[in-house]
């Protein structure tokens, strides 16, 4: 029974106003649990950055009250930041068998292990963490073992859908637990935190099983080798590819490190059923004729270092695209990846491949529910307060409008952003404050050491290049004894711009001469003068602003 005095605080730390980086803290009675711990991939302005993870400053500050992390499913945007989060917040992690299997594989790469109290749960099972009971219920998504989570608290029930759709013919036969959702709705739900990804799409999302039929047709019609690129985590898609290949007497090879890892984990846990003799190693492919081979590959998003991208440019060591190959993109480009995918498609065509990538081919469906499924979720759960989540701002707005069209009062729909403290209770709901939330950039082994200033410098280097000015100065007399010498990288090629560089040297000498006359020994002031003079000269002559790095060497 919900207490009328107790409040529930829902604090999204990622996933609102953006795709990816999903993480939400839920606080009640002094206890905190975290739903999901995802990452996002860098946009084109984040030069050199590998990954983007949530800022967990608030959780670290309150680490004594954080009781565990609950995972809805095993996609990177929901579990990918765990190797970084668990280093600062070593708490138990709870999720289904496949989800934890994928997480353990990822943690091993970072030399980490799960907390001893972590547990693999079954869908339908409940875990108690302090005064909060977390109930995992079955939903459909583009990965097996996907769950929503209902948090039973003294303040009431908060339902987190995770990523979901309602698939009436799922590949594994496990339909969403509509009966339990309706039961929760009958019992009374205080707040619903629901997936908004496909809020722009009318109607229903297609069934994953329809993709299996389309892929089987492509494999059956192909005269030579078939190469299929899809998300490594889409185990249902991989299963359908393997089944279709076996039906047409073909062997299957898996290419790409992430694909190999997922196939290995899913096979070991029994989520992939592979007929004996169907799966072959990449080095064994040559023993079979081209018409008997199917290759499952990473690279459906045109990622620069992925297996398919390297095949398309002839840089893959084991697989070479040849005329007659059929290449299938069994995925839609994530917003921002369209150019990379188009470039890969062009390169594949140049090598003589037949490429299947059009949505009309039916070789991909989304794992997220469209507007009618979002309506069904709202009508089943019937929450008092609704919080659109998991999407860019337009998705949240459109999902809110969908709720309004069903009769939900506008004042009971909460549009929040990352860091908002949303307090809900039987008496009302409001955004009452804000905590630290944002992006932490991962670059190589560095976590958080790349910020706005570094990105600004990288942007300038990428757009206008750098000029290094080197001068040698006598330590006793402070007179210039050598230089200035100029080194250009990414700005102009010195040999082709000799006149420009000589004029630049003249301007620098004049600046240094004035410093000598004033007997300046504050080299930081001298360097700034060189930057100012050279920067103005180069901009007047080229309309470019290279980064200027003066170096004064005392001899």
Protein backbone atom coordinates (compact mmCIF):
# COMPACT_ATOMS: atom_id res chain seq x y z
CA UNK A 1 0.00 0.00 0.00
CA UNK A 2 1.47 3.34 -1.05
CA UNK A 3 2.04 5.91 1.66
CA UNK A 4 0.49 9.31 1.05
CA UNK A 5 3.41 11.10 2.71
CA UNK A 6 6.33 9.35 0.98
CA UNK A 7 7.77 10.86 -2.16
CA UNK A 8 9.50 9.10 -5.02
CA UNK A 9 12.35 10.93 -6.78
CA UNK A 10 13.14 9.96 -10.38
CA UNK A 11 16.40 11.48 -11.61
CA UNK A 12 17.36 10.79 -15.25
CA UNK A 13 21.15 11.01 -15.65
CA UNK A 14 21.07 10.16 -19.36
CA UNK A 15 18.70 9.20 -22.16
CA UNK A 16 16.45 12.29 -22.20
CA UNK A 17 16.88 14.65 -25.12
CA UNK A 18 19.32 12.21 -26.72
CA UNK A 19 19.60 8.71 -28.14
CA UNK A 20 21.70 6.48 -25.88
CA UNK A 21 23.46 6.95 -22.56
CA UNK A 22 20.38 5.70 -20.70
CA UNK A 23 20.63 5.89 -16.91
CA UNK A 24 18.04 6.80 -14.27
CA UNK A 25 18.38 7.03 -10.50
CA UNK A 26 15.29 6.29 -8.41
CA UNK A 27 15.25 7.41 -4.79
CA UNK A 28 12.75 6.56 -2.08
CA UNK A 29 13.04 6.50 1.70
CA UNK A 30 16.77 7.20 1.51
CA UNK A 31 17.49 4.22 -0.77
CA UNK A 32 18.70 4.68 -4.37
CA UNK A 33 18.55 2.17 -7.21
CA UNK A 34 19.76 2.81 -10.74
CA UNK A 35 17.95 1.65 -13.87
CA UNK A 36 20.40 0.96 -16.73
CA UNK A 37 23.93 2.23 -17.30
CA UNK A 38 24.39 2.95 -20.99
CA UNK A 39 26.73 4.78 -23.31
CA UNK A 40 26.38 6.86 -26.45
CA UNK A 41 28.66 7.10 -29.44
CA UNK A 42 30.39 10.42 -30.22
CA UNK A 43 28.98 12.82 -32.79
CA UNK A 44 31.08 14.29 -35.58
CA UNK A 45 32.09 17.28 -33.45
CA UNK A 46 33.79 15.05 -30.85
CA UNK A 47 37.08 14.60 -32.64
CA UNK A 48 39.00 11.53 -31.45
CA UNK A 49 36.50 10.62 -28.71
CA UNK A 50 35.69 6.91 -28.45
CA UNK A 51 32.62 6.81 -26.18
CA UNK A 52 30.30 9.07 -24.21
CA UNK A 53 29.07 7.96 -20.78
CA UNK A 54 26.80 9.60 -18.17
CA UNK A 55 28.15 11.87 -15.47
CA UNK A 56 27.57 9.91 -12.24
CA UNK A 57 28.77 12.61 -9.83
CA UNK A 58 25.43 12.53 -8.00
CA UNK A 59 25.63 8.76 -7.50
CA UNK A 60 29.23 8.90 -6.32
CA UNK A 61 28.35 11.64 -3.82
CA UNK A 62 25.59 9.38 -2.48
CA UNK A 63 27.38 6.05 -2.93
CA UNK A 64 26.42 4.81 0.55
CA UNK A 65 22.75 4.91 -0.45
CA UNK A 66 23.09 3.28 -3.90
CA UNK A 67 21.96 -0.34 -3.48
CA UNK A 68 22.24 -1.70 -7.00
CA UNK A 69 21.97 -1.27 -10.77
CA UNK A 70 19.01 -2.85 -12.58
CA UNK A 71 19.42 -3.63 -16.29
CA UNK A 72 16.54 -3.83 -18.77
CA UNK A 73 18.55 -5.50 -21.58
CA UNK A 74 22.02 -6.00 -23.00
CA UNK A 75 22.35 -3.23 -25.61
CA UNK A 76 25.31 -0.85 -25.36
CA UNK A 77 23.06 2.17 -24.83
CA UNK A 78 21.78 0.48 -21.65
CA UNK A 79 24.82 -1.42 -20.29
CA UNK A 80 27.86 0.02 -22.10
CA UNK A 81 29.08 2.38 -19.37
CA UNK A 82 29.16 -0.30 -16.64
CA UNK A 83 32.95 -0.93 -16.91
CA UNK A 84 33.51 2.76 -16.09
CA UNK A 85 30.67 3.20 -13.59
CA UNK A 86 31.52 0.12 -11.51
CA UNK A 87 35.08 1.37 -10.92
CA UNK A 88 33.64 4.32 -8.99
CA UNK A 89 30.47 2.63 -7.79
CA UNK A 90 31.11 -1.07 -6.98
CA UNK A 91 27.49 -2.14 -6.38
CA UNK A 92 25.52 -5.30 -7.27
CA UNK A 93 24.09 -5.56 -10.79
CA UNK A 94 20.82 -7.33 -11.64
CA UNK A 95 19.60 -8.45 -15.06
CA UNK A 96 18.54 -11.51 -17.01
CA UNK A 97 20.98 -14.29 -17.95
CA UNK A 98 21.87 -13.02 -21.42
CA UNK A 99 22.16 -9.43 -20.23
CA UNK A 100 24.56 -10.37 -17.43
CA UNK A 101 26.42 -12.74 -19.75
CA UNK A 102 27.13 -9.89 -22.16
CA UNK A 103 28.04 -7.60 -19.27
CA UNK A 104 30.51 -10.12 -17.82
CA UNK A 105 32.18 -10.49 -21.20
CA UNK A 106 32.55 -6.70 -21.39
CA UNK A 107 33.87 -6.41 -17.84
CA UNK A 108 36.51 -9.09 -18.49
CA UNK A 109 38.00 -6.87 -21.20
CA UNK A 110 38.52 -4.21 -18.51
CA UNK A 111 39.86 -6.64 -15.90
CA UNK A 112 36.72 -6.35 -13.76
CA UNK A 113 34.23 -8.80 -12.23
CA UNK A 114 30.68 -8.35 -11.03
CA UNK A 115 29.96 -7.66 -7.36
CA UNK A 116 29.40 -10.90 -5.41
CA UNK A 117 25.78 -9.92 -4.67
CA UNK A 118 24.94 -9.52 -8.37
CA UNK A 119 22.27 -11.89 -9.61
CA UNK A 120 20.82 -13.18 -12.89
CA UNK A 121 17.05 -12.90 -12.60
CA UNK A 122 14.21 -14.50 -14.51
CA UNK A 123 11.54 -12.40 -16.13
CA UNK A 124 8.70 -12.29 -13.62
CA UNK A 125 11.09 -12.38 -10.66
CA UNK A 126 11.33 -9.68 -7.96
CA UNK A 127 14.48 -8.37 -6.27
CA UNK A 128 14.35 -6.43 -2.99
CA UNK A 129 16.80 -3.54 -2.54
CA UNK A 130 16.12 -1.71 0.69
CA UNK A 131 12.56 -0.43 0.68
CA UNK A 132 12.32 -0.87 -3.11
CA UNK A 133 11.18 -4.08 -4.79
CA UNK A 134 12.18 -4.40 -8.46
CA UNK A 135 9.93 -6.63 -10.57
CA UNK A 136 11.24 -7.66 -14.00
CA UNK A 137 8.52 -8.19 -16.62
CA UNK A 138 8.81 -9.45 -20.20
CA UNK A 139 8.87 -7.08 -23.20
CA UNK A 140 9.83 -7.55 -26.84
CA UNK A 141 12.89 -5.85 -28.30
CA UNK A 142 15.65 -6.61 -30.79
CA UNK A 143 17.56 -8.71 -28.25
CA UNK A 144 16.40 -11.71 -26.18
CA UNK A 145 15.71 -11.41 -22.47
CA UNK A 146 14.58 -7.76 -22.70
CA UNK A 147 12.62 -6.56 -19.67
CA UNK A 148 10.72 -3.67 -18.27
CA UNK A 149 11.04 -3.01 -14.56
CA UNK A 150 8.28 -2.14 -12.09
CA UNK A 151 9.62 -0.56 -8.90
CA UNK A 152 7.30 -1.16 -5.96
CA UNK A 153 8.05 1.53 -3.37
CA UNK A 154 6.37 2.99 -0.28
CA UNK A 155 5.32 5.95 -2.45
CA UNK A 156 3.75 3.82 -5.17
CA UNK A 157 4.70 1.87 -8.29
CA UNK A 158 6.98 3.32 -10.98
CA UNK A 159 7.11 1.40 -14.27
CA UNK A 160 10.15 1.62 -16.56
CA UNK A 161 9.41 0.08 -19.95
CA UNK A 162 13.01 -0.13 -21.15
CA UNK A 163 13.16 -0.39 -24.95
CA UNK A 164 10.03 -2.17 -26.12
CA UNK A 165 7.61 -3.09 -28.85
CA UNK A 166 4.65 -5.48 -28.93
CA UNK A 167 5.64 -8.32 -31.28
CA UNK A 168 2.81 -10.81 -31.73
CA UNK A 169 5.05 -13.34 -33.50
CA UNK A 170 8.46 -13.06 -31.81
CA UNK A 171 11.25 -15.34 -32.94
CA UNK A 172 11.56 -17.02 -29.53
CA UNK A 173 7.80 -17.22 -28.96
CA UNK A 174 8.09 -15.04 -25.85
CA UNK A 175 5.41 -12.36 -26.27
CA UNK A 176 5.35 -9.30 -24.00
CA UNK A 177 3.64 -9.82 -20.65
CA UNK A 178 0.54 -7.80 -21.52
CA UNK A 179 -1.46 -9.47 -18.74
CA UNK A 180 1.00 -8.32 -16.06
CA UNK A 181 1.06 -4.78 -17.47
CA UNK A 182 -2.73 -4.66 -17.31
CA UNK A 183 -2.67 -6.06 -13.78
CA UNK A 184 -0.22 -3.37 -12.70
CA UNK A 185 -2.52 -0.80 -14.27
CA UNK A 186 -5.50 -2.20 -12.35
CA UNK A 187 -3.54 -2.07 -9.08
CA UNK A 188 -2.49 1.52 -9.73
CA UNK A 189 0.73 2.91 -11.18
CA UNK A 190 2.10 6.20 -9.89
CA UNK A 191 4.51 6.96 -12.76
CA UNK A 192 5.38 5.52 -16.17
CA UNK A 193 8.82 6.14 -17.70
CA UNK A 194 8.39 5.00 -21.31
CA UNK A 195 10.45 4.51 -24.50
CA UNK A 196 9.92 7.38 -26.99
CA UNK A 197 12.34 6.34 -29.75
CA UNK A 198 9.71 5.76 -32.46
CA UNK A 199 7.30 8.51 -31.40
CA UNK A 200 7.46 9.95 -34.94
CA UNK A 201 6.29 6.71 -36.60
CA UNK A 202 2.56 6.08 -36.98
CA UNK A 203 1.09 2.59 -36.83
CA UNK A 204 2.83 -0.54 -35.58
CA UNK A 205 6.41 -1.78 -35.85
CA UNK A 206 6.79 -4.94 -37.92
CA UNK A 207 7.50 -8.34 -36.40
CA UNK A 208 11.07 -9.62 -36.24
CA UNK A 209 9.89 -12.91 -37.78
CA UNK A 210 9.00 -11.08 -41.02
CA UNK A 211 12.68 -10.21 -41.39
CA UNK A 212 13.57 -13.89 -41.21
CA UNK A 213 11.39 -14.61 -44.23
CA UNK A 214 12.92 -11.76 -46.22
CA UNK A 215 16.47 -12.86 -45.35
CA UNK A 216 15.68 -16.47 -46.31
CA UNK A 217 14.49 -15.24 -49.73
CA UNK A 218 17.69 -13.24 -50.26
CA UNK A 219 19.89 -16.19 -49.26
CA UNK A 220 17.88 -18.59 -51.44
CA UNK A 221 18.10 -16.33 -54.49
CA UNK A 222 21.81 -15.54 -54.21
CA UNK A 223 24.07 -17.31 -56.71
CA UNK A 224 27.30 -16.73 -54.84
CA UNK A 225 28.39 -15.77 -51.32
CA UNK A 226 26.07 -13.78 -49.01
CA UNK A 227 27.42 -11.28 -46.48
CA UNK A 228 24.93 -9.94 -43.94
CA UNK A 229 25.70 -6.98 -41.69
CA UNK A 230 23.59 -6.42 -38.59
CA UNK A 231 23.95 -5.30 -34.99
CA UNK A 232 26.04 -7.79 -33.06
CA UNK A 233 23.56 -7.81 -30.18
CA UNK A 234 20.55 -8.70 -32.35
CA UNK A 235 20.61 -12.36 -31.40
CA UNK A 236 17.17 -13.05 -32.90
CA UNK A 237 18.38 -11.71 -36.26
CA UNK A 238 21.53 -13.82 -36.08
CA UNK A 239 19.43 -16.90 -35.25
CA UNK A 240 17.22 -16.32 -38.29
CA UNK A 241 20.24 -15.89 -40.55
CA UNK A 242 21.77 -19.13 -39.28
CA UNK A 243 18.45 -20.99 -39.69
CA UNK A 244 17.98 -19.71 -43.27
CA UNK A 245 21.57 -20.56 -44.19
CA UNK A 246 21.16 -24.10 -42.86
CA UNK A 247 17.91 -24.55 -44.78
CA UNK A 248 19.69 -23.61 -48.01
CA UNK A 249 22.68 -25.87 -47.36
CA UNK A 250 25.11 -23.09 -46.54
CA UNK A 251 27.82 -22.75 -43.92
CA UNK A 252 28.05 -19.66 -41.69
CA UNK A 253 31.13 -17.70 -40.65
CA UNK A 254 31.12 -14.85 -38.14
CA UNK A 255 33.37 -11.82 -38.70
CA UNK A 256 34.06 -8.92 -36.33
CA UNK A 257 35.18 -9.01 -32.68
CA UNK A 258 31.90 -7.84 -31.14
CA UNK A 259 29.92 -10.26 -33.32
CA UNK A 260 32.18 -13.15 -32.30
CA UNK A 261 31.81 -12.23 -28.61
CA UNK A 262 28.01 -12.04 -28.71
CA UNK A 263 27.65 -15.27 -30.70
CA UNK A 264 29.95 -17.02 -28.24
CA UNK A 265 28.05 -15.80 -25.16
CA UNK A 266 24.59 -16.41 -26.68
CA UNK A 267 25.56 -19.92 -27.79
CA UNK A 268 27.05 -20.84 -24.42
CA UNK A 269 23.89 -19.66 -22.63
CA UNK A 270 21.57 -21.46 -25.04
CA UNK A 271 20.04 -18.40 -26.71
CA UNK A 272 21.45 -19.37 -30.11
CA UNK A 273 20.68 -22.78 -31.60
CA UNK A 274 23.25 -23.62 -34.26
CA UNK A 275 22.90 -26.92 -36.19
CA UNK A 276 25.99 -29.12 -36.00
CA UNK A 277 28.53 -28.36 -38.70
CA UNK A 278 26.88 -25.09 -39.77
CA UNK A 279 29.27 -22.66 -38.08
CA UNK A 280 32.80 -22.56 -39.53
CA UNK A 281 35.85 -20.48 -38.68
CA UNK A 282 36.82 -17.59 -40.93
CA UNK A 283 40.03 -19.39 -41.88
CA UNK A 284 38.03 -22.45 -43.01
CA UNK A 285 35.82 -20.58 -45.50
CA UNK A 286 38.11 -21.27 -48.42
CA UNK A 287 37.33 -24.97 -48.17
CA UNK A 288 33.75 -24.30 -49.31
CA UNK A 289 32.47 -22.97 -52.65
CA UNK A 290 31.17 -19.38 -52.61
CA UNK A 291 27.59 -20.55 -53.19
CA UNK A 292 27.74 -22.49 -49.91
CA UNK A 293 28.84 -19.59 -47.65
CA UNK A 294 27.06 -16.97 -45.56
CA UNK A 295 29.09 -14.44 -43.57
CA UNK A 296 27.57 -12.54 -40.64
CA UNK A 297 29.50 -9.32 -40.12
CA UNK A 298 29.68 -6.16 -38.07
CA UNK A 299 29.60 -2.81 -39.86
CA UNK A 300 25.91 -2.15 -40.52
CA UNK A 301 26.49 1.49 -39.46
CA UNK A 302 29.54 2.10 -41.65
CA UNK A 303 31.86 2.23 -38.63
CA UNK A 304 35.39 3.02 -39.92
CA UNK A 305 37.13 0.04 -38.28
CA UNK A 306 34.30 -2.49 -38.64
CA UNK A 307 34.70 -5.69 -40.66
CA UNK A 308 32.32 -4.72 -43.49
CA UNK A 309 33.82 -1.26 -43.93
CA UNK A 310 37.29 -2.78 -44.23
CA UNK A 311 35.95 -5.34 -46.72
CA UNK A 312 34.47 -2.52 -48.81
CA UNK A 313 37.86 -0.78 -49.05
CA UNK A 314 39.85 -3.97 -49.64
CA UNK A 315 41.61 -3.70 -46.27
CA UNK A 316 40.21 -6.80 -44.54
CA UNK A 317 42.86 -9.46 -44.13
CA UNK A 318 40.56 -12.49 -44.41
CA UNK A 319 37.58 -11.49 -46.60
CA UNK A 320 37.75 -9.87 -50.04
CA UNK A 321 34.61 -8.65 -51.79
CA UNK A 322 34.39 -10.10 -55.31
CA UNK A 323 31.89 -9.61 -58.15
CA UNK A 324 28.83 -11.77 -57.51
CA UNK A 325 28.81 -11.33 -53.73
CA UNK A 326 25.48 -10.28 -52.23
CA UNK A 327 25.82 -7.87 -49.29
CA UNK A 328 22.78 -7.20 -47.07
CA UNK A 329 22.46 -4.32 -44.61
CA UNK A 330 20.04 -5.79 -42.07
CA UNK A 331 19.82 -2.57 -40.07
CA UNK A 332 18.72 1.03 -40.53
CA UNK A 333 21.32 3.79 -40.19
CA UNK A 334 21.31 5.42 -36.78
CA UNK A 335 20.82 9.21 -37.22
CA UNK A 336 24.23 10.68 -37.98
CA UNK A 337 25.57 7.49 -39.62
CA UNK A 338 23.84 7.94 -42.99
CA UNK A 339 26.93 9.27 -44.79
CA UNK A 340 29.16 6.50 -43.47
CA UNK A 341 26.66 3.84 -44.56
CA UNK A 342 26.26 5.43 -48.01
CA UNK A 343 30.04 5.51 -48.43
CA UNK A 344 30.30 1.81 -47.58
CA UNK A 345 27.46 0.95 -50.00
CA UNK A 346 29.24 2.89 -52.79
CA UNK A 347 32.51 1.09 -52.12
CA UNK A 348 30.77 -2.31 -52.19
CA UNK A 349 29.18 -1.50 -55.55
CA UNK A 350 32.61 -0.47 -56.87
CA UNK A 351 33.86 -3.96 -56.03
CA UNK A 352 31.05 -5.58 -58.01
CA UNK A 353 28.81 -6.67 -55.14
CA UNK A 354 25.00 -6.72 -55.21
CA UNK A 355 23.89 -4.62 -52.24
CA UNK A 356 20.53 -4.93 -50.46
CA UNK A 357 19.97 -1.98 -48.15
CA UNK A 358 16.62 -0.43 -48.95
CA UNK A 359 13.91 -0.50 -46.26
CA UNK A 360 11.44 -1.79 -48.86
CA UNK A 361 13.45 -5.01 -49.06
CA UNK A 362 12.09 -5.98 -45.64
CA UNK A 363 15.47 -7.05 -44.27
CA UNK A 364 15.16 -4.94 -41.12
CA UNK A 365 12.54 -3.87 -38.61
CA UNK A 366 12.96 -1.63 -35.59
CA UNK A 367 13.07 -2.98 -32.07
CA UNK A 368 11.05 -0.02 -30.78
CA UNK A 369 7.29 0.34 -30.73
CA UNK A 370 5.60 2.89 -32.98
CA UNK A 371 2.77 5.22 -31.98
CA UNK A 372 0.04 2.58 -31.71
CA UNK A 373 2.22 0.43 -29.44
CA UNK A 374 3.07 3.45 -27.32
CA UNK A 375 -0.69 4.04 -26.98
CA UNK A 376 -1.20 0.40 -25.98
CA UNK A 377 1.46 0.69 -23.26
CA UNK A 378 -0.18 3.84 -21.90
CA UNK A 379 -3.64 2.28 -21.94
CA UNK A 380 -2.47 -0.91 -20.24
CA UNK A 381 -0.51 0.78 -17.47
CA UNK A 382 -2.77 3.84 -17.01
CA UNK A 383 -0.27 5.75 -14.84
CA UNK A 384 -1.16 8.81 -12.82
CA UNK A 385 1.95 10.59 -14.15
CA UNK A 386 3.71 10.00 -17.45
CA UNK A 387 7.37 10.78 -18.22
CA UNK A 388 8.45 10.30 -21.86
CA UNK A 389 12.03 8.96 -21.99
CA UNK A 390 14.66 7.40 -24.27
CA UNK A 391 14.66 9.85 -27.18
CA UNK A 392 15.67 13.21 -28.54
CA UNK A 393 13.55 16.19 -27.50
CA UNK A 394 11.18 15.98 -30.46
CA UNK A 395 10.49 12.33 -29.59
CA UNK A 396 9.60 13.27 -26.02
CA UNK A 397 7.26 16.03 -27.23
CA UNK A 398 5.50 13.75 -29.73
CA UNK A 399 5.15 10.97 -27.15
CA UNK A 400 3.60 13.52 -24.77
CA UNK A 401 1.13 14.53 -27.49
CA UNK A 402 0.24 10.88 -28.03
CA UNK A 403 -0.57 10.62 -24.32
CA UNK A 404 -2.71 13.77 -24.53
CA UNK A 405 -4.64 12.26 -27.44
CA UNK A 406 -5.58 9.39 -25.12
CA UNK A 407 -7.02 11.78 -22.56
CA UNK A 408 -4.06 12.09 -20.20
CA UNK A 409 -4.17 15.50 -18.45
CA UNK A 410 -1.41 17.77 -19.71
CA UNK A 411 -0.42 18.67 -16.15
CA UNK A 412 0.24 14.98 -15.44
CA UNK A 413 2.75 14.65 -18.29
CA UNK A 414 6.26 15.63 -17.21
CA UNK A 415 8.79 16.69 -19.83
CA UNK A 416 12.17 16.53 -18.12
CA UNK A 417 15.83 16.65 -19.07
CA UNK A 418 18.96 14.95 -17.83
CA UNK A 419 19.63 16.00 -14.25
CA UNK A 420 16.03 16.93 -13.43
CA UNK A 421 14.80 15.82 -10.01
CA UNK A 422 11.22 14.66 -10.61
CA UNK A 423 9.32 14.21 -7.36
CA UNK A 424 6.08 12.23 -7.59
CA UNK A 425 3.66 11.27 -4.87
CA UNK A 426 -0.05 10.71 -4.37
CA UNK A 427 -0.42 14.48 -3.83
CA UNK A 428 1.27 15.64 -7.04
CA UNK A 429 4.34 15.67 -9.25
CA UNK A 430 6.86 18.36 -10.11
CA UNK A 431 10.45 19.00 -11.12
CA UNK A 432 11.89 20.26 -7.84
CA UNK A 433 15.57 20.66 -8.62
CA UNK A 434 18.56 19.63 -10.64
CA UNK A 435 21.65 17.50 -10.04
CA UNK A 436 24.90 17.31 -11.98
CA UNK A 437 24.35 15.42 -15.22
CA UNK A 438 25.98 15.53 -18.60
CA UNK A 439 28.57 13.88 -20.81
CA UNK A 440 31.81 12.27 -19.73
CA UNK A 441 34.05 11.60 -22.72
CA UNK A 442 36.15 8.44 -23.00
CA UNK A 443 39.24 8.80 -25.18
CA UNK A 444 41.59 5.84 -25.19
CA UNK A 445 42.41 5.10 -21.55
CA UNK A 446 41.37 8.58 -20.45
CA UNK A 447 37.95 9.00 -18.83
CA UNK A 448 36.78 12.58 -18.38
CA UNK A 449 40.11 14.22 -19.22
CA UNK A 450 38.78 15.48 -22.54
CA UNK A 451 36.42 18.43 -22.12
CA UNK A 452 35.09 21.40 -24.03
CA UNK A 453 38.44 23.18 -24.22
CA UNK A 454 40.21 20.12 -25.65
CA UNK A 455 37.37 19.55 -28.13
CA UNK A 456 37.54 23.18 -29.18
CA UNK A 457 41.29 22.85 -29.81
CA UNK A 458 40.76 19.61 -31.75
CA UNK A 459 38.08 21.30 -33.85
CA UNK A 460 40.42 24.17 -34.64
CA UNK A 461 43.24 21.77 -35.51
CA UNK A 462 40.92 19.77 -37.76
CA UNK A 463 39.58 22.83 -39.57
CA UNK A 464 42.61 25.16 -39.83
CA UNK A 465 45.69 23.21 -38.74
CA UNK A 466 48.62 24.38 -36.63
CA UNK A 467 51.76 26.49 -37.07
CA UNK A 468 54.70 26.04 -34.70
CA UNK A 469 57.01 29.07 -34.34
CA UNK A 470 60.46 28.20 -32.96
CA UNK A 471 62.94 30.83 -31.76
CA UNK A 472 66.30 30.45 -29.97
CA UNK A 473 67.25 33.25 -27.53
CA UNK A 474 70.56 33.93 -25.76
CA UNK A 475 69.97 33.39 -22.05
CA UNK A 476 72.25 36.26 -20.95
CA UNK A 477 71.52 38.97 -23.50
CA UNK A 478 67.92 37.96 -24.35
CA UNK A 479 68.73 38.48 -28.03
CA UNK A 480 67.42 36.23 -30.79
CA UNK A 481 70.26 34.02 -32.03
CA UNK A 482 68.29 31.66 -34.31
CA UNK A 483 64.94 31.65 -36.07
CA UNK A 484 62.14 32.15 -36.36
CA UNK A 485 61.52 28.78 -37.96
CA UNK A 486 57.99 27.82 -38.96
CA UNK A 487 56.49 24.31 -39.06
CA UNK A 488 53.05 23.97 -40.67
CA UNK A 489 50.76 20.97 -40.15
CA UNK A 490 47.31 20.96 -41.69
CA UNK A 491 47.51 24.67 -42.60
CA UNK A 492 49.60 25.07 -45.76
CA UNK A 493 52.34 23.04 -47.40
CA UNK A 494 55.45 25.14 -46.80
CA UNK A 495 57.13 24.53 -50.17
CA UNK A 496 54.03 25.66 -52.04
CA UNK A 497 53.53 28.73 -49.83
CA UNK A 498 57.07 30.02 -49.45
CA UNK A 499 56.15 33.67 -50.01
CA UNK A 500 53.42 33.55 -47.37
CA UNK A 501 55.75 31.91 -44.85
CA UNK A 502 58.58 34.37 -45.54
CA UNK A 503 56.22 37.29 -44.98
CA UNK A 504 55.07 35.64 -41.77
CA UNK A 505 58.69 35.40 -40.61
CA UNK A 506 59.16 39.12 -41.26
CA UNK A 507 56.16 39.95 -39.04
CA UNK A 508 57.51 37.68 -36.30
CA UNK A 509 61.02 39.23 -36.50
CA UNK A 510 59.52 42.71 -36.16
CA UNK A 511 57.61 41.60 -33.06
CA UNK A 512 60.69 40.00 -31.52
CA UNK A 513 62.79 43.09 -32.33
CA UNK A 514 60.35 45.30 -30.44
CA UNK A 515 60.59 42.90 -27.49
CA UNK A 516 64.41 43.12 -27.61
CA UNK A 517 64.28 46.92 -27.56
CA UNK A 518 62.02 46.83 -24.51
CA UNK A 519 64.35 44.21 -22.92
CA UNK A 520 61.37 41.95 -22.22
CA UNK A 521 62.15 38.72 -20.37
CA UNK A 522 58.54 37.69 -19.77
CA UNK A 523 58.44 35.07 -22.50
CA UNK A 524 54.72 34.38 -22.02
CA UNK A 525 54.00 38.00 -23.04
CA UNK A 526 56.36 37.68 -26.01
CA UNK A 527 54.62 34.46 -27.12
CA UNK A 528 51.21 36.12 -26.88
CA UNK A 529 52.45 39.04 -29.00
CA UNK A 530 53.69 36.58 -31.64
CA UNK A 531 50.29 34.80 -31.60
CA UNK A 532 48.40 38.07 -32.01
CA UNK A 533 50.52 39.46 -34.82
CA UNK A 534 50.85 36.21 -36.74
CA UNK A 535 47.19 35.31 -36.26
CA UNK A 536 46.01 38.64 -37.67
CA UNK A 537 48.42 38.43 -40.61
CA UNK A 538 47.43 34.87 -41.56
CA UNK A 539 43.71 35.61 -41.24
CA UNK A 540 44.04 38.70 -43.47
CA UNK A 541 45.91 36.67 -46.08
CA UNK A 542 44.06 33.32 -45.95
CA UNK A 543 40.81 33.83 -43.96
CA UNK A 544 41.92 30.90 -41.79
CA UNK A 545 42.79 30.76 -38.11
CA UNK A 546 45.38 28.03 -37.50
CA UNK A 547 46.45 27.25 -33.96
CA UNK A 548 49.73 29.09 -33.35
CA UNK A 549 52.25 27.55 -30.93
CA UNK A 550 55.31 29.78 -30.26
CA UNK A 551 58.28 27.99 -28.68
CA UNK A 552 61.13 30.02 -27.14
CA UNK A 553 64.33 28.08 -26.44
CA UNK A 554 66.96 29.69 -24.19
CA UNK A 555 70.56 28.83 -25.16
